[in-house]
Amino acid sequence: MTESQEQLNELITQATPFLIVGLIVFMVFVVFSLARQSQGGKMAYLVLSLALLLGTSGYVAKLVIEYFLSV
């Protein structure tokens, strides 16, 4: 690999977690907006939030597992 390819790979490796967190924050906004517009009440908000929580907990679990395996 050339030096520029290595720098690009390093940039991608460092930027990916920040981009994923930004995507999660955007999804929270979308879920909140959908729950408010659906007028389904507290139950709709609870179900949508639970679905988002399950998805993001998978990413957090991946980070924790990677941390403990790399130590």
C-alpha atoms as a PDB file:
ATOM      1  CA  MET A   1       0.000   0.000   0.000  1.00  0.00           C
ATOM      2  CA  THR A   2       1.133   3.485  -0.706  1.00  0.00           C
ATOM      3  CA  GLU A   3       1.382   6.149   1.948  1.00  0.00           C
ATOM      4  CA  SER A   4      -1.708   7.998   0.685  1.00  0.00           C
ATOM      5  CA  GLN A   5      -3.781   4.810   0.866  1.00  0.00           C
ATOM      6  CA  GLU A   6      -2.614   4.232   4.427  1.00  0.00           C
ATOM      7  CA  GLN A   7      -3.526   7.802   5.372  1.00  0.00           C
ATOM      8  CA  LEU A   8      -6.970   7.371   3.812  1.00  0.00           C
ATOM      9  CA  ASN A   9      -7.525   4.119   5.705  1.00  0.00           C
ATOM     10  CA  GLU A  10      -6.453   5.807   8.952  1.00  0.00           C
ATOM     11  CA  LEU A  11      -8.835   8.713   8.325  1.00  0.00           C
ATOM     12  CA  ILE A  12     -11.712   6.343   7.628  1.00  0.00           C
ATOM     13  CA  THR A  13     -10.924   4.312  10.747  1.00  0.00           C
ATOM     14  CA  GLN A  14     -10.916   7.416  12.943  1.00  0.00           C
ATOM     15  CA  ALA A  15     -13.954   9.109  11.375  1.00  0.00           C
ATOM     16  CA  THR A  16     -16.319   6.133  11.312  1.00  0.00           C
ATOM     17  CA  PRO A  17     -17.328   6.180  15.015  1.00  0.00           C
ATOM     18  CA  PHE A  18     -18.137   9.906  14.847  1.00  0.00           C
ATOM     19  CA  LEU A  19     -20.206   9.437  11.715  1.00  0.00           C
ATOM     20  CA  ILE A  20     -22.118   6.546  13.285  1.00  0.00           C
ATOM     21  CA  VAL A  21     -22.871   8.598  16.404  1.00  0.00           C
ATOM     22  CA  GLY A  22     -24.104  11.406  14.163  1.00  0.00           C
ATOM     23  CA  LEU A  23     -26.346   8.940  12.347  1.00  0.00           C
ATOM     24  CA  ILE A  24     -27.747   7.693  15.659  1.00  0.00           C
ATOM     25  CA  VAL A  25     -28.521  11.271  16.755  1.00  0.00           C
ATOM     26  CA  PHE A  26     -30.260  11.867  13.430  1.00  0.00           C
ATOM     27  CA  MET A  27     -32.286   8.668  13.874  1.00  0.00           C
ATOM     28  CA  VAL A  28     -33.383   9.846  17.336  1.00  0.00           C
ATOM     29  CA  PHE A  29     -34.675  13.026  15.734  1.00  0.00           C
ATOM     30  CA  VAL A  30     -36.508  11.043  13.033  1.00  0.00           C
ATOM     31  CA  VAL A  31     -38.061   8.651  15.562  1.00  0.00           C
ATOM     32  CA  PHE A  32     -39.219  11.544  17.740  1.00  0.00           C
ATOM     33  CA  SER A  33     -40.700  13.278  14.704  1.00  0.00           C
ATOM     34  CA  LEU A  34     -42.477  10.109  13.536  1.00  0.00           C
ATOM     35  CA  ALA A  35     -43.890   9.426  16.980  1.00  0.00           C
ATOM     36  CA  ARG A  36     -45.218  12.975  17.235  1.00  0.00           C
ATOM     37  CA  GLN A  37     -46.736  13.006  13.743  1.00  0.00           C
ATOM     38  CA  SER A  38     -48.328   9.560  13.999  1.00  0.00           C
ATOM     39  CA  GLN A  39     -50.497  10.717  16.912  1.00  0.00           C
ATOM     40  CA  GLY A  40     -50.296   7.186  18.257  1.00  0.00           C
ATOM     41  CA  GLY A  41     -49.737   8.427  21.753  1.00  0.00           C
ATOM     42  CA  LYS A  42     -47.250   7.223  24.290  1.00  0.00           C
ATOM     43  CA  MET A  43     -47.386   3.631  23.072  1.00  0.00           C
ATOM     44  CA  ALA A  44     -46.190   4.557  19.558  1.00  0.00           C
ATOM     45  CA  TYR A  45     -43.353   6.619  20.998  1.00  0.00           C
ATOM     46  CA  LEU A  46     -42.406   3.768  23.333  1.00  0.00           C
ATOM     47  CA  VAL A  47     -42.328   1.177  20.538  1.00  0.00           C
ATOM     48  CA  LEU A  48     -40.311   3.382  18.185  1.00  0.00           C
ATOM     49  CA  SER A  49     -37.873   4.322  20.938  1.00  0.00           C
ATOM     50  CA  LEU A  50     -37.457   0.677  21.939  1.00  0.00           C
ATOM     51  CA  ALA A  51     -36.637  -0.277  18.346  1.00  0.00           C
ATOM     52  CA  LEU A  52     -34.018   2.469  18.152  1.00  0.00           C
ATOM     53  CA  LEU A  53     -32.593   1.475  21.534  1.00  0.00           C
ATOM     54  CA  LEU A  54     -32.191  -2.144  20.440  1.00  0.00           C
ATOM     55  CA  GLY A  55     -30.365  -1.089  17.293  1.00  0.00           C
ATOM     56  CA  THR A  56     -27.997   1.292  19.033  1.00  0.00           C
ATOM     57  CA  SER A  57     -27.308  -1.137  21.879  1.00  0.00           C
ATOM     58  CA  GLY A  58     -25.859  -3.517  19.291  1.00  0.00           C
ATOM     59  CA  TYR A  59     -23.359  -0.862  18.236  1.00  0.00           C
ATOM     60  CA  VAL A  60     -22.453  -0.075  21.840  1.00  0.00           C
ATOM     61  CA  ALA A  61     -21.998  -3.788  22.568  1.00  0.00           C
ATOM     62  CA  LYS A  62     -19.678  -4.046  19.560  1.00  0.00           C
ATOM     63  CA  LEU A  63     -17.555  -1.181  20.893  1.00  0.00           C
ATOM     64  CA  VAL A  64     -17.346  -2.762  24.361  1.00  0.00           C
ATOM     65  CA  ILE A  65     -16.400  -6.161  22.957  1.00  0.00           C
ATOM     66  CA  GLU A  66     -13.722  -4.609  20.726  1.00  0.00           C
ATOM     67  CA  TYR A  67     -12.320  -2.693  23.698  1.00  0.00           C
ATOM     68  CA  PHE A  68     -12.037  -5.765  25.909  1.00  0.00           C
ATOM     69  CA  LEU A  69     -10.586  -7.950  23.148  1.00  0.00           C
ATOM     70  CA  SER A  70      -7.937  -5.387  22.242  1.00  0.00           C
ATOM     71  CA  VAL A  71      -6.716  -4.958  25.841  1.00  0.00           C
END
